[in-house]
Amino acid sequence: MKAVAFKQPWASAIIKGMMSSIAPGYDLHVLPGGRTVAVYASLTLDTSPYLDAGELFRLRTLMPLCNLPLGKLLGTVTVMKIFKEDGKTIWMLADPKELPEPLPCRGQKGSWDLHFSLAGKMGVK
């Protein structure tokens, strides 16, 4: 299984079913459509100035930024479709499944193969 790193608050928003698409910037060959991936919350918060203020307010209201897990696997989501739009790679997401407790994990940037022992702890193959 592949694991994919996302900055917070996006990782939690994906796992909570608040996002049906995301533009991670990864190439199409990394993850084919219809593939379940593990969602990893990276060690950093996204503080980019390009964030939409309304969306960020909504996320902060639903998930206080001070309580978001960092450096942990949060669950799985299925990447249903990948396409390019305006030069960006867009992933269509479905079926998020949150772990009962976030699982500490040493992550990487982008995507990587999840070690079988971690996949087993998550209850996936």
PDB file of N, CA and C in Angstrom:
ATOM      1  N   MET A   1       0.844  -1.173   0.000  1.00  0.00           N
ATOM      2  CA  MET A   1       0.000   0.000   0.000  1.00  0.00           C
ATOM      3  C   MET A   1       0.890   1.238   0.000  1.00  0.00           C
ATOM      4  N   LYS A   2       0.444   2.244  -0.723  1.00  0.00           N
ATOM      5  CA  LYS A   2       1.133   3.529  -0.740  1.00  0.00           C
ATOM      6  C   LYS A   2       0.633   4.378   0.418  1.00  0.00           C
ATOM      7  N   ALA A   3       1.543   5.160   0.983  1.00  0.00           N
ATOM      8  CA  ALA A   3       1.189   6.189   1.950  1.00  0.00           C
ATOM      9  C   ALA A   3       1.459   7.524   1.270  1.00  0.00           C
ATOM     10  N   VAL A   4       0.630   8.505   1.555  1.00  0.00           N
ATOM     11  CA  VAL A   4       0.768   9.825   0.952  1.00  0.00           C
ATOM     12  C   VAL A   4       0.775  10.872   2.062  1.00  0.00           C
ATOM     13  N   ALA A   5       1.768  11.759   2.025  1.00  0.00           N
ATOM     14  CA  ALA A   5       1.894  12.807   3.035  1.00  0.00           C
ATOM     15  C   ALA A   5       1.128  14.053   2.616  1.00  0.00           C
ATOM     16  N   PHE A   6       0.377  14.591   3.549  1.00  0.00           N
ATOM     17  CA  PHE A   6      -0.315  15.862   3.367  1.00  0.00           C
ATOM     18  C   PHE A   6      -0.030  16.727   4.588  1.00  0.00           C
ATOM     19  N   LYS A   7       0.107  18.020   4.382  1.00  0.00           N
ATOM     20  CA  LYS A   7       0.237  18.936   5.504  1.00  0.00           C
ATOM     21  C   LYS A   7      -1.129  19.060   6.176  1.00  0.00           C
ATOM     22  N   GLN A   8      -1.096  19.420   7.443  1.00  0.00           N
ATOM     23  CA  GLN A   8      -2.325  19.740   8.142  1.00  0.00           C
ATOM     24  C   GLN A   8      -2.720  21.166   7.797  1.00  0.00           C
ATOM     25  N   PRO A   9      -3.963  21.539   7.712  1.00  0.00           N
ATOM     26  CA  PRO A   9      -5.141  20.775   8.125  1.00  0.00           C
ATOM     27  C   PRO A   9      -5.700  19.850   7.048  1.00  0.00           C
ATOM     28  N   TRP A  10      -5.031  19.768   5.892  1.00  0.00           N
ATOM     29  CA  TRP A  10      -5.580  19.020   4.754  1.00  0.00           C
ATOM     30  C   TRP A  10      -5.667  17.524   5.031  1.00  0.00           C
ATOM     31  N   ALA A  11      -4.679  16.948   5.722  1.00  0.00           N
ATOM     32  CA  ALA A  11      -4.725  15.514   6.009  1.00  0.00           C
ATOM     33  C   ALA A  11      -5.973  15.168   6.829  1.00  0.00           C
ATOM     34  N   SER A  12      -6.234  15.938   7.870  1.00  0.00           N
ATOM     35  CA  SER A  12      -7.426  15.675   8.689  1.00  0.00           C
ATOM     36  C   SER A  12      -8.713  15.951   7.928  1.00  0.00           C
ATOM     37  N   ALA A  13      -8.716  16.980   7.097  1.00  0.00           N
ATOM     38  CA  ALA A  13      -9.914  17.284   6.305  1.00  0.00           C
ATOM     39  C   ALA A  13     -10.227  16.134   5.348  1.00  0.00           C
ATOM     40  N   ILE A  14      -9.205  15.529   4.771  1.00  0.00           N
ATOM     41  CA  ILE A  14      -9.411  14.380   3.878  1.00  0.00           C
ATOM     42  C   ILE A  14     -10.011  13.218   4.653  1.00  0.00           C
ATOM     43  N   ILE A  15      -9.415  12.878   5.775  1.00  0.00           N
ATOM     44  CA  ILE A  15      -9.858  11.729   6.567  1.00  0.00           C
ATOM     45  C   ILE A  15     -11.248  11.934   7.150  1.00  0.00           C
ATOM     46  N   LYS A  16     -11.606  13.160   7.451  1.00  0.00           N
ATOM     47  CA  LYS A  16     -12.936  13.448   8.004  1.00  0.00           C
ATOM     48  C   LYS A  16     -14.001  13.565   6.916  1.00  0.00           C
ATOM     49  N   GLY A  17     -13.608  13.382   5.632  1.00  0.00           N
ATOM     50  CA  GLY A  17     -14.570  13.435   4.541  1.00  0.00           C
ATOM     51  C   GLY A  17     -14.962  14.840   4.137  1.00  0.00           C
ATOM     52  N   MET A  18     -14.167  15.827   4.513  1.00  0.00           N
ATOM     53  CA  MET A  18     -14.476  17.220   4.203  1.00  0.00           C
ATOM     54  C   MET A  18     -13.947  17.656   2.839  1.00  0.00           C
ATOM     55  N   MET A  19     -13.139  16.821   2.207  1.00  0.00           N
ATOM     56  CA  MET A  19     -12.582  17.166   0.897  1.00  0.00           C
ATOM     57  C   MET A  19     -12.817  16.013  -0.070  1.00  0.00           C
ATOM     58  N   SER A  20     -13.406  16.308  -1.204  1.00  0.00           N
ATOM     59  CA  SER A  20     -13.629  15.271  -2.213  1.00  0.00           C
ATOM     60  C   SER A  20     -12.584  15.348  -3.322  1.00  0.00           C
ATOM     61  N   SER A  21     -11.748  16.383  -3.278  1.00  0.00           N
ATOM     62  CA  SER A  21     -10.656  16.492  -4.255  1.00  0.00           C
ATOM     63  C   SER A  21      -9.525  17.296  -3.638  1.00  0.00           C
ATOM     64  N   ILE A  22      -8.335  17.091  -4.185  1.00  0.00           N
ATOM     65  CA  ILE A  22      -7.154  17.825  -3.734  1.00  0.00           C
ATOM     66  C   ILE A  22      -6.159  17.879  -4.884  1.00  0.00           C
ATOM     67  N   ALA A  23      -5.344  18.911  -4.903  1.00  0.00           N
ATOM     68  CA  ALA A  23      -4.309  19.072  -5.933  1.00  0.00           C
ATOM     69  C   ALA A  23      -2.939  18.966  -5.269  1.00  0.00           C
ATOM     70  N   PRO A  24      -2.437  17.742  -5.067  1.00  0.00           N
ATOM     71  CA  PRO A  24      -1.185  17.570  -4.339  1.00  0.00           C
ATOM     72  C   PRO A  24       0.068  17.915  -5.141  1.00  0.00           C
ATOM     73  N   GLY A  25      -0.042  17.978  -6.451  1.00  0.00           N
ATOM     74  CA  GLY A  25       1.110  18.304  -7.275  1.00  0.00           C
ATOM     75  C   GLY A  25       1.959  17.108  -7.660  1.00  0.00           C
ATOM     76  N   TYR A  26       1.517  15.896  -7.355  1.00  0.00           N
ATOM     77  CA  TYR A  26       2.267  14.704  -7.721  1.00  0.00           C
ATOM     78  C   TYR A  26       1.917  14.284  -9.149  1.00  0.00           C
ATOM     79  N   ASP A  27       2.862  13.635  -9.809  1.00  0.00           N
ATOM     80  CA  ASP A  27       2.654  13.168 -11.171  1.00  0.00           C
ATOM     81  C   ASP A  27       1.580  12.083 -11.239  1.00  0.00           C
ATOM     82  N   LEU A  28       0.996  11.946 -12.427  1.00  0.00           N
ATOM     83  CA  LEU A  28      -0.055  10.947 -12.641  1.00  0.00           C
ATOM     84  C   LEU A  28       0.425   9.518 -12.429  1.00  0.00           C
ATOM     85  N   HIS A  29       1.684   9.235 -12.731  1.00  0.00           N
ATOM     86  CA  HIS A  29       2.160   7.851 -12.642  1.00  0.00           C
ATOM     87  C   HIS A  29       2.331   7.357 -11.209  1.00  0.00           C
ATOM     88  N   VAL A  30       2.260   8.247 -10.231  1.00  0.00           N
ATOM     89  CA  VAL A  30       2.489   7.845  -8.845  1.00  0.00           C
ATOM     90  C   VAL A  30       1.338   6.991  -8.320  1.00  0.00           C
ATOM     91  N   LEU A  31       0.126   7.412  -8.559  1.00  0.00           N
ATOM     92  CA  LEU A  31      -1.041   6.700  -8.038  1.00  0.00           C
ATOM     93  C   LEU A  31      -2.123   6.580  -9.100  1.00  0.00           C
ATOM     94  N   PRO A  32      -2.361   5.386  -9.599  1.00  0.00           N
ATOM     95  CA  PRO A  32      -3.451   5.240 -10.567  1.00  0.00           C
ATOM     96  C   PRO A  32      -4.809   5.379  -9.884  1.00  0.00           C
ATOM     97  N   GLY A  33      -5.813   5.815 -10.633  1.00  0.00           N
ATOM     98  CA  GLY A  33      -7.152   5.992 -10.075  1.00  0.00           C
ATOM     99  C   GLY A  33      -7.705   4.701  -9.501  1.00  0.00           C
ATOM    100  N   GLY A  34      -8.553   4.820  -8.486  1.00  0.00           N
ATOM    101  CA  GLY A  34      -9.175   3.655  -7.879  1.00  0.00           C
ATOM    102  C   GLY A  34      -8.284   2.940  -6.889  1.00  0.00           C
ATOM    103  N   ARG A  35      -7.308   3.621  -6.349  1.00  0.00           N
ATOM    104  CA  ARG A  35      -6.359   2.984  -5.440  1.00  0.00           C
ATOM    105  C   ARG A  35      -6.508   3.548  -4.026  1.00  0.00           C
ATOM    106  N   THR A  36      -6.582   2.652  -3.042  1.00  0.00           N
ATOM    107  CA  THR A  36      -6.659   3.078  -1.659  1.00  0.00           C
ATOM    108  C   THR A  36      -5.255   3.374  -1.151  1.00  0.00           C
ATOM    109  N   VAL A  37      -5.111   4.514  -0.487  1.00  0.00           N
ATOM    110  CA  VAL A  37      -3.816   4.941   0.043  1.00  0.00           C
ATOM    111  C   VAL A  37      -3.964   5.289   1.520  1.00  0.00           C
ATOM    112  N   ALA A  38      -2.860   5.187   2.234  1.00  0.00           N
ATOM    113  CA  ALA A  38      -2.820   5.625   3.630  1.00  0.00           C
ATOM    114  C   ALA A  38      -2.571   7.125   3.647  1.00  0.00           C
ATOM    115  N   VAL A  39      -3.267   7.829   4.519  1.00  0.00           N
ATOM    116  CA  VAL A  39      -3.118   9.280   4.655  1.00  0.00           C
ATOM    117  C   VAL A  39      -2.210   9.569   5.847  1.00  0.00           C
ATOM    118  N   TYR A  40      -1.092  10.246   5.560  1.00  0.00           N
ATOM    119  CA  TYR A  40      -0.105  10.599   6.576  1.00  0.00           C
ATOM    120  C   TYR A  40      -0.142  12.104   6.808  1.00  0.00           C
ATOM    121  N   ALA A  41      -0.263  12.521   8.061  1.00  0.00           N
ATOM    122  CA  ALA A  41      -0.207  13.935   8.419  1.00  0.00           C
ATOM    123  C   ALA A  41       1.250  14.298   8.652  1.00  0.00           C
ATOM    124  N   SER A  42       1.790  15.142   7.794  1.00  0.00           N
ATOM    125  CA  SER A  42       3.199  15.508   7.909  1.00  0.00           C
ATOM    126  C   SER A  42       3.440  16.294   9.192  1.00  0.00           C
ATOM    127  N   LEU A  43       4.690  16.611   9.441  1.00  0.00           N
ATOM    128  CA  LEU A  43       5.073  17.291  10.675  1.00  0.00           C
ATOM    129  C   LEU A  43       4.839  18.796  10.641  1.00  0.00           C
ATOM    130  N   THR A  44       4.345  19.319   9.513  1.00  0.00           N
ATOM    131  CA  THR A  44       4.169  20.769   9.391  1.00  0.00           C
ATOM    132  C   THR A  44       2.727  21.139   9.069  1.00  0.00           C
ATOM    133  N   LEU A  45       2.355  22.332   9.519  1.00  0.00           N
ATOM    134  CA  LEU A  45       1.061  22.905   9.163  1.00  0.00           C
ATOM    135  C   LEU A  45       1.218  23.703   7.881  1.00  0.00           C
ATOM    136  N   ASP A  46       0.188  23.721   7.063  1.00  0.00           N
ATOM    137  CA  ASP A  46       0.204  24.534   5.848  1.00  0.00           C
ATOM    138  C   ASP A  46      -0.175  25.958   6.227  1.00  0.00           C
ATOM    139  N   THR A  47       0.775  26.848   6.135  1.00  0.00           N
ATOM    140  CA  THR A  47       0.540  28.253   6.458  1.00  0.00           C
ATOM    141  C   THR A  47       0.671  29.123   5.218  1.00  0.00           C
ATOM    142  N   SER A  48       0.457  28.529   4.058  1.00  0.00           N
ATOM    143  CA  SER A  48       0.602  29.235   2.792  1.00  0.00           C
ATOM    144  C   SER A  48      -0.348  30.428   2.709  1.00  0.00           C
ATOM    145  N   PRO A  49       0.128  31.529   2.155  1.00  0.00           N
ATOM    146  CA  PRO A  49      -0.728  32.711   2.036  1.00  0.00           C
ATOM    147  C   PRO A  49      -1.830  32.557   0.987  1.00  0.00           C
ATOM    148  N   TYR A  50      -1.741  31.537   0.126  1.00  0.00           N
ATOM    149  CA  TYR A  50      -2.748  31.363  -0.922  1.00  0.00           C
ATOM    150  C   TYR A  50      -4.002  30.645  -0.434  1.00  0.00           C
ATOM    151  N   LEU A  51      -4.041  30.224   0.826  1.00  0.00           N
ATOM    152  CA  LEU A  51      -5.207  29.509   1.331  1.00  0.00           C
ATOM    153  C   LEU A  51      -6.431  30.419   1.302  1.00  0.00           C
ATOM    154  N   ASP A  52      -7.527  29.862   0.869  1.00  0.00           N
ATOM    155  CA  ASP A  52      -8.789  30.596   0.849  1.00  0.00           C
ATOM    156  C   ASP A  52      -9.227  30.841   2.293  1.00  0.00           C
ATOM    157  N   ALA A  53      -9.456  32.098   2.653  1.00  0.00           N
ATOM    158  CA  ALA A  53      -9.774  32.472   4.036  1.00  0.00           C
ATOM    159  C   ALA A  53     -11.051  31.787   4.528  1.00  0.00           C
ATOM    160  N   GLY A  54     -12.066  31.718   3.681  1.00  0.00           N
ATOM    161  CA  GLY A  54     -13.318  31.069   4.078  1.00  0.00           C
ATOM    162  C   GLY A  54     -13.140  29.593   4.345  1.00  0.00           C
ATOM    163  N   GLU A  55     -12.400  28.919   3.485  1.00  0.00           N
ATOM    164  CA  GLU A  55     -12.157  27.488   3.660  1.00  0.00           C
ATOM    165  C   GLU A  55     -11.328  27.235   4.916  1.00  0.00           C
ATOM    166  N   LEU A  56     -10.310  28.052   5.126  1.00  0.00           N
ATOM    167  CA  LEU A  56      -9.471  27.884   6.304  1.00  0.00           C
ATOM    168  C   LEU A  56     -10.285  28.140   7.582  1.00  0.00           C
ATOM    169  N   PHE A  57     -11.154  29.133   7.573  1.00  0.00           N
ATOM    170  CA  PHE A  57     -12.010  29.402   8.734  1.00  0.00           C
ATOM    171  C   PHE A  57     -12.914  28.199   9.010  1.00  0.00           C
ATOM    172  N   ARG A  58     -13.487  27.634   7.950  1.00  0.00           N
ATOM    173  CA  ARG A  58     -14.364  26.462   8.109  1.00  0.00           C
ATOM    174  C   ARG A  58     -13.589  25.298   8.716  1.00  0.00           C
ATOM    175  N   LEU A  59     -12.377  25.059   8.207  1.00  0.00           N
ATOM    176  CA  LEU A  59     -11.560  23.970   8.731  1.00  0.00           C
ATOM    177  C   LEU A  59     -11.182  24.221  10.184  1.00  0.00           C
ATOM    178  N   ARG A  60     -10.789  25.449  10.507  1.00  0.00           N
ATOM    179  CA  ARG A  60     -10.406  25.764  11.886  1.00  0.00           C
ATOM    180  C   ARG A  60     -11.585  25.639  12.834  1.00  0.00           C
ATOM    181  N   THR A  61     -12.777  25.955  12.371  1.00  0.00           N
ATOM    182  CA  THR A  61     -13.966  25.841  13.201  1.00  0.00           C
ATOM    183  C   THR A  61     -14.255  24.378  13.512  1.00  0.00           C
ATOM    184  N   LEU A  62     -14.101  23.522  12.514  1.00  0.00           N
ATOM    185  CA  LEU A  62     -14.400  22.109  12.687  1.00  0.00           C
ATOM    186  C   LEU A  62     -13.250  21.328  13.323  1.00  0.00           C
ATOM    187  N   MET A  63     -12.033  21.791  13.106  1.00  0.00           N
ATOM    188  CA  MET A  63     -10.848  21.088  13.619  1.00  0.00           C
ATOM    189  C   MET A  63      -9.847  22.118  14.126  1.00  0.00           C
ATOM    190  N   PRO A  64      -9.817  22.409  15.408  1.00  0.00           N
ATOM    191  CA  PRO A  64      -8.847  23.378  15.918  1.00  0.00           C
ATOM    192  C   PRO A  64      -7.420  22.975  15.541  1.00  0.00           C
ATOM    193  N   LEU A  65      -6.666  23.887  14.946  1.00  0.00           N
ATOM    194  CA  LEU A  65      -5.330  23.577  14.454  1.00  0.00           C
ATOM    195  C   LEU A  65      -4.379  23.120  15.547  1.00  0.00           C
ATOM    196  N   CYS A  66      -4.605  23.562  16.775  1.00  0.00           N
ATOM    197  CA  CYS A  66      -3.690  23.184  17.851  1.00  0.00           C
ATOM    198  C   CYS A  66      -3.831  21.712  18.241  1.00  0.00           C
ATOM    199  N   ASN A  67      -4.911  21.066  17.851  1.00  0.00           N
ATOM    200  CA  ASN A  67      -5.143  19.666  18.228  1.00  0.00           C
ATOM    201  C   ASN A  67      -4.928  18.682  17.089  1.00  0.00           C
ATOM    202  N   LEU A  68      -4.452  19.134  15.938  1.00  0.00           N
ATOM    203  CA  LEU A  68      -4.300  18.237  14.800  1.00  0.00           C
ATOM    204  C   LEU A  68      -3.071  17.349  14.977  1.00  0.00           C
ATOM    205  N   PRO A  69      -3.212  16.048  14.689  1.00  0.00           N
ATOM    206  CA  PRO A  69      -2.059  15.154  14.804  1.00  0.00           C
ATOM    207  C   PRO A  69      -1.022  15.455  13.728  1.00  0.00           C
ATOM    208  N   LEU A  70       0.233  15.371  14.108  1.00  0.00           N
ATOM    209  CA  LEU A  70       1.348  15.585  13.173  1.00  0.00           C
ATOM    210  C   LEU A  70       2.270  14.369  13.237  1.00  0.00           C
ATOM    211  N   GLY A  71       2.813  13.973  12.080  1.00  0.00           N
ATOM    212  CA  GLY A  71       3.730  12.840  12.040  1.00  0.00           C
ATOM    213  C   GLY A  71       3.056  11.509  12.308  1.00  0.00           C
ATOM    214  N   LYS A  72       1.799  11.394  11.866  1.00  0.00           N
ATOM    215  CA  LYS A  72       1.035  10.168  12.135  1.00  0.00           C
ATOM    216  C   LYS A  72       0.194   9.758  10.940  1.00  0.00           C
ATOM    217  N   LEU A  73      -0.056   8.450  10.839  1.00  0.00           N
ATOM    218  CA  LEU A  73      -1.006   7.927   9.867  1.00  0.00           C
ATOM    219  C   LEU A  73      -2.401   8.120  10.438  1.00  0.00           C
ATOM    220  N   LEU A  74      -3.308   8.669   9.621  1.00  0.00           N
ATOM    221  CA  LEU A  74      -4.648   8.980  10.102  1.00  0.00           C
ATOM    222  C   LEU A  74      -5.705   7.990   9.641  1.00  0.00           C
ATOM    223  N   GLY A  75      -5.449   7.281   8.544  1.00  0.00           N
ATOM    224  CA  GLY A  75      -6.430   6.353   7.993  1.00  0.00           C
ATOM    225  C   GLY A  75      -6.174   6.150   6.520  1.00  0.00           C
ATOM    226  N   THR A  76      -7.223   5.789   5.791  1.00  0.00           N
ATOM    227  CA  THR A  76      -7.103   5.551   4.353  1.00  0.00           C
ATOM    228  C   THR A  76      -8.160   6.332   3.585  1.00  0.00           C
ATOM    229  N   VAL A  77      -7.883   6.547   2.318  1.00  0.00           N
ATOM    230  CA  VAL A  77      -8.833   7.159   1.403  1.00  0.00           C
ATOM    231  C   VAL A  77      -8.594   6.529   0.027  1.00  0.00           C
ATOM    232  N   THR A  78      -9.629   6.478  -0.794  1.00  0.00           N
ATOM    233  CA  THR A  78      -9.493   5.935  -2.137  1.00  0.00           C
ATOM    234  C   THR A  78      -9.363   7.078  -3.136  1.00  0.00           C
ATOM    235  N   VAL A  79      -8.307   7.021  -3.935  1.00  0.00           N
ATOM    236  CA  VAL A  79      -8.119   7.973  -5.028  1.00  0.00           C
ATOM    237  C   VAL A  79      -8.871   7.384  -6.219  1.00  0.00           C
ATOM    238  N   MET A  80     -10.014   7.984  -6.559  1.00  0.00           N
ATOM    239  CA  MET A  80     -10.892   7.435  -7.585  1.00  0.00           C
ATOM    240  C   MET A  80     -10.477   7.813  -8.997  1.00  0.00           C
ATOM    241  N   LYS A  81      -9.972   9.028  -9.148  1.00  0.00           N
ATOM    242  CA  LYS A  81      -9.663   9.531 -10.481  1.00  0.00           C
ATOM    243  C   LYS A  81      -8.573  10.579 -10.351  1.00  0.00           C
ATOM    244  N   ILE A  82      -7.689  10.611 -11.334  1.00  0.00           N
ATOM    245  CA  ILE A  82      -6.636  11.619 -11.384  1.00  0.00           C
ATOM    246  C   ILE A  82      -6.692  12.272 -12.756  1.00  0.00           C
ATOM    247  N   PHE A  83      -6.691  13.612 -12.766  1.00  0.00           N
ATOM    248  CA  PHE A  83      -6.716  14.311 -14.049  1.00  0.00           C
ATOM    249  C   PHE A  83      -5.987  15.641 -13.920  1.00  0.00           C
ATOM    250  N   LYS A  84      -5.691  16.230 -15.068  1.00  0.00           N
ATOM    251  CA  LYS A  84      -5.021  17.535 -15.113  1.00  0.00           C
ATOM    252  C   LYS A  84      -6.045  18.606 -15.443  1.00  0.00           C
ATOM    253  N   GLU A  85      -5.927  19.744 -14.729  1.00  0.00           N
ATOM    254  CA  GLU A  85      -6.802  20.885 -14.995  1.00  0.00           C
ATOM    255  C   GLU A  85      -5.993  22.156 -14.729  1.00  0.00           C
ATOM    256  N   ASP A  86      -5.923  23.006 -15.729  1.00  0.00           N
ATOM    257  CA  ASP A  86      -5.168  24.257 -15.610  1.00  0.00           C
ATOM    258  C   ASP A  86      -3.741  24.018 -15.136  1.00  0.00           C
ATOM    259  N   GLY A  87      -3.124  22.939 -15.619  1.00  0.00           N
ATOM    260  CA  GLY A  87      -1.747  22.631 -15.275  1.00  0.00           C
ATOM    261  C   GLY A  87      -1.551  21.977 -13.921  1.00  0.00           C
ATOM    262  N   LYS A  88      -2.638  21.719 -13.185  1.00  0.00           N
ATOM    263  CA  LYS A  88      -2.555  21.082 -11.871  1.00  0.00           C
ATOM    264  C   LYS A  88      -3.050  19.641 -11.955  1.00  0.00           C
ATOM    265  N   THR A  89      -2.449  18.773 -11.174  1.00  0.00           N
ATOM    266  CA  THR A  89      -2.911  17.402 -11.055  1.00  0.00           C
ATOM    267  C   THR A  89      -3.949  17.346  -9.938  1.00  0.00           C
ATOM    268  N   ILE A  90      -5.155  16.897 -10.252  1.00  0.00           N
ATOM    269  CA  ILE A  90      -6.265  16.836  -9.294  1.00  0.00           C
ATOM    270  C   ILE A  90      -6.568  15.373  -8.983  1.00  0.00           C
ATOM    271  N   TRP A  91      -6.717  15.060  -7.717  1.00  0.00           N
ATOM    272  CA  TRP A  91      -7.143  13.731  -7.288  1.00  0.00           C
ATOM    273  C   TRP A  91      -8.575  13.827  -6.791  1.00  0.00           C
ATOM    274  N   MET A  92      -9.444  12.980  -7.281  1.00  0.00           N
ATOM    275  CA  MET A  92     -10.810  12.845  -6.775  1.00  0.00           C
ATOM    276  C   MET A  92     -10.789  11.757  -5.696  1.00  0.00           C
ATOM    277  N   LEU A  93     -11.287  12.091  -4.511  1.00  0.00           N
ATOM    278  CA  LEU A  93     -11.195  11.215  -3.347  1.00  0.00           C
ATOM    279  C   LEU A  93     -12.559  10.674  -2.926  1.00  0.00           C
ATOM    280  N   ALA A  94     -12.543   9.486  -2.343  1.00  0.00           N
ATOM    281  CA  ALA A  94     -13.788   8.879  -1.853  1.00  0.00           C
ATOM    282  C   ALA A  94     -13.463   7.912  -0.716  1.00  0.00           C
ATOM    283  N   ASP A  95     -14.472   7.571   0.048  1.00  0.00           N
ATOM    284  CA  ASP A  95     -14.422   6.516   1.054  1.00  0.00           C
ATOM    285  C   ASP A  95     -13.301   6.687   2.084  1.00  0.00           C
ATOM    286  N   PRO A  96     -13.230   7.845   2.754  1.00  0.00           N
ATOM    287  CA  PRO A  96     -12.210   7.985   3.807  1.00  0.00           C
ATOM    288  C   PRO A  96     -12.542   7.102   5.000  1.00  0.00           C
ATOM    289  N   LYS A  97     -11.519   6.491   5.570  1.00  0.00           N
ATOM    290  CA  LYS A  97     -11.697   5.641   6.752  1.00  0.00           C
ATOM    291  C   LYS A  97     -10.665   6.053   7.792  1.00  0.00           C
ATOM    292  N   GLU A  98     -11.164   6.627   8.885  1.00  0.00           N
ATOM    293  CA  GLU A  98     -10.289   7.127   9.944  1.00  0.00           C
ATOM    294  C   GLU A  98      -9.912   6.004  10.906  1.00  0.00           C
ATOM    295  N   LEU A  99      -8.642   5.973  11.298  1.00  0.00           N
ATOM    296  CA  LEU A  99      -8.207   5.024  12.321  1.00  0.00           C
ATOM    297  C   LEU A  99      -8.786   5.452  13.677  1.00  0.00           C
ATOM    298  N   PRO A 100      -9.033   4.496  14.578  1.00  0.00           N
ATOM    299  CA  PRO A 100      -9.530   4.863  15.905  1.00  0.00           C
ATOM    300  C   PRO A 100      -8.569   5.819  16.626  1.00  0.00           C
ATOM    301  N   GLU A 101      -7.271   5.597  16.454  1.00  0.00           N
ATOM    302  CA  GLU A 101      -6.226   6.459  17.004  1.00  0.00           C
ATOM    303  C   GLU A 101      -5.156   6.649  15.928  1.00  0.00           C
ATOM    304  N   PRO A 102      -4.667   7.887  15.737  1.00  0.00           N
ATOM    305  CA  PRO A 102      -3.577   8.094  14.773  1.00  0.00           C
ATOM    306  C   PRO A 102      -2.368   7.239  15.142  1.00  0.00           C
ATOM    307  N   LEU A 103      -1.688   6.729  14.133  1.00  0.00           N
ATOM    308  CA  LEU A 103      -0.573   5.804  14.311  1.00  0.00           C
ATOM    309  C   LEU A 103       0.750   6.522  14.038  1.00  0.00           C
ATOM    310  N   PRO A 104       1.615   6.680  15.057  1.00  0.00           N
ATOM    311  CA  PRO A 104       2.899   7.341  14.818  1.00  0.00           C
ATOM    312  C   PRO A 104       3.697   6.622  13.735  1.00  0.00           C
ATOM    313  N   CYS A 105       4.347   7.403  12.904  1.00  0.00           N
ATOM    314  CA  CYS A 105       5.050   6.838  11.757  1.00  0.00           C
ATOM    315  C   CYS A 105       6.098   7.839  11.284  1.00  0.00           C
ATOM    316  N   ARG A 106       7.235   7.345  10.855  1.00  0.00           N
ATOM    317  CA  ARG A 106       8.227   8.218  10.232  1.00  0.00           C
ATOM    318  C   ARG A 106       7.856   8.320   8.759  1.00  0.00           C
ATOM    319  N   GLY A 107       7.460   9.493   8.341  1.00  0.00           N
ATOM    320  CA  GLY A 107       6.988   9.678   6.973  1.00  0.00           C
ATOM    321  C   GLY A 107       8.054  10.169   6.024  1.00  0.00           C
ATOM    322  N   GLN A 108       7.625  10.431   4.810  1.00  0.00           N
ATOM    323  CA  GLN A 108       8.461  10.975   3.765  1.00  0.00           C
ATOM    324  C   GLN A 108       7.644  12.016   3.019  1.00  0.00           C
ATOM    325  N   LYS A 109       8.304  12.811   2.208  1.00  0.00           N
ATOM    326  CA  LYS A 109       7.574  13.746   1.356  1.00  0.00           C
ATOM    327  C   LYS A 109       6.938  12.970   0.220  1.00  0.00           C
ATOM    328  N   GLY A 110       5.786  13.443  -0.233  1.00  0.00           N
ATOM    329  CA  GLY A 110       5.129  12.803  -1.376  1.00  0.00           C
ATOM    330  C   GLY A 110       4.506  11.481  -0.997  1.00  0.00           C
ATOM    331  N   SER A 111       4.794  10.452  -1.798  1.00  0.00           N
ATOM    332  CA  SER A 111       4.221   9.128  -1.537  1.00  0.00           C
ATOM    333  C   SER A 111       5.345   8.103  -1.425  1.00  0.00           C
ATOM    334  N   TRP A 112       5.063   7.049  -0.695  1.00  0.00           N
ATOM    335  CA  TRP A 112       6.032   5.984  -0.512  1.00  0.00           C
ATOM    336  C   TRP A 112       5.296   4.702  -0.173  1.00  0.00           C
ATOM    337  N   ASP A 113       6.012   3.576  -0.289  1.00  0.00           N
ATOM    338  CA  ASP A 113       5.432   2.284   0.061  1.00  0.00           C
ATOM    339  C   ASP A 113       5.413   2.153   1.577  1.00  0.00           C
ATOM    340  N   LEU A 114       4.235   1.892   2.114  1.00  0.00           N
ATOM    341  CA  LEU A 114       4.067   1.736   3.551  1.00  0.00           C
ATOM    342  C   LEU A 114       4.612   0.374   3.960  1.00  0.00           C
ATOM    343  N   HIS A 115       5.427   0.347   4.998  1.00  0.00           N
ATOM    344  CA  HIS A 115       5.989  -0.910   5.488  1.00  0.00           C
ATOM    345  C   HIS A 115       4.851  -1.843   5.901  1.00  0.00           C
ATOM    346  N   PHE A 116       5.014  -3.133   5.601  1.00  0.00           N
ATOM    347  CA  PHE A 116       3.930  -4.087   5.846  1.00  0.00           C
ATOM    348  C   PHE A 116       3.513  -4.128   7.312  1.00  0.00           C
ATOM    349  N   SER A 117       4.439  -3.884   8.242  1.00  0.00           N
ATOM    350  CA  SER A 117       4.068  -3.930   9.659  1.00  0.00           C
ATOM    351  C   SER A 117       3.118  -2.771  10.011  1.00  0.00           C
ATOM    352  N   LEU A 118       3.333  -1.598   9.406  1.00  0.00           N
ATOM    353  CA  LEU A 118       2.429  -0.474   9.639  1.00  0.00           C
ATOM    354  C   LEU A 118       1.083  -0.717   8.968  1.00  0.00           C
ATOM    355  N   ALA A 119       1.118  -1.270   7.769  1.00  0.00           N
ATOM    356  CA  ALA A 119      -0.137  -1.584   7.068  1.00  0.00           C
ATOM    357  C   ALA A 119      -0.947  -2.583   7.899  1.00  0.00           C
ATOM    358  N   GLY A 120      -0.260  -3.561   8.502  1.00  0.00           N
ATOM    359  CA  GLY A 120      -0.937  -4.532   9.357  1.00  0.00           C
ATOM    360  C   GLY A 120      -1.577  -3.889  10.571  1.00  0.00           C
ATOM    361  N   LYS A 121      -0.886  -2.915  11.169  1.00  0.00           N
ATOM    362  CA  LYS A 121      -1.446  -2.188  12.323  1.00  0.00           C
ATOM    363  C   LYS A 121      -2.660  -1.367  11.937  1.00  0.00           C
ATOM    364  N   MET A 122      -2.690  -0.955  10.644  1.00  0.00           N
ATOM    365  CA  MET A 122      -3.832  -0.183  10.160  1.00  0.00           C
ATOM    366  C   MET A 122      -4.991  -1.081   9.759  1.00  0.00           C
ATOM    367  N   GLY A 123      -4.725  -2.390   9.700  1.00  0.00           N
ATOM    368  CA  GLY A 123      -5.775  -3.332   9.324  1.00  0.00           C
ATOM    369  C   GLY A 123      -5.967  -3.459   7.817  1.00  0.00           C
ATOM    370  N   VAL A 124      -4.916  -3.100   7.046  1.00  0.00           N
ATOM    371  CA  VAL A 124      -4.990  -3.214   5.584  1.00  0.00           C
ATOM    372  C   VAL A 124      -3.825  -4.064   5.103  1.00  0.00           C
ATOM    373  N   LYS A 125      -3.929  -4.513   3.851  1.00  0.00           N
ATOM    374  CA  LYS A 125      -2.868  -5.340   3.248  1.00  0.00           C
ATOM    375  C   LYS A 125      -2.022  -4.513   2.328  1.00  0.00           C
TER     376      LYS A 125
END
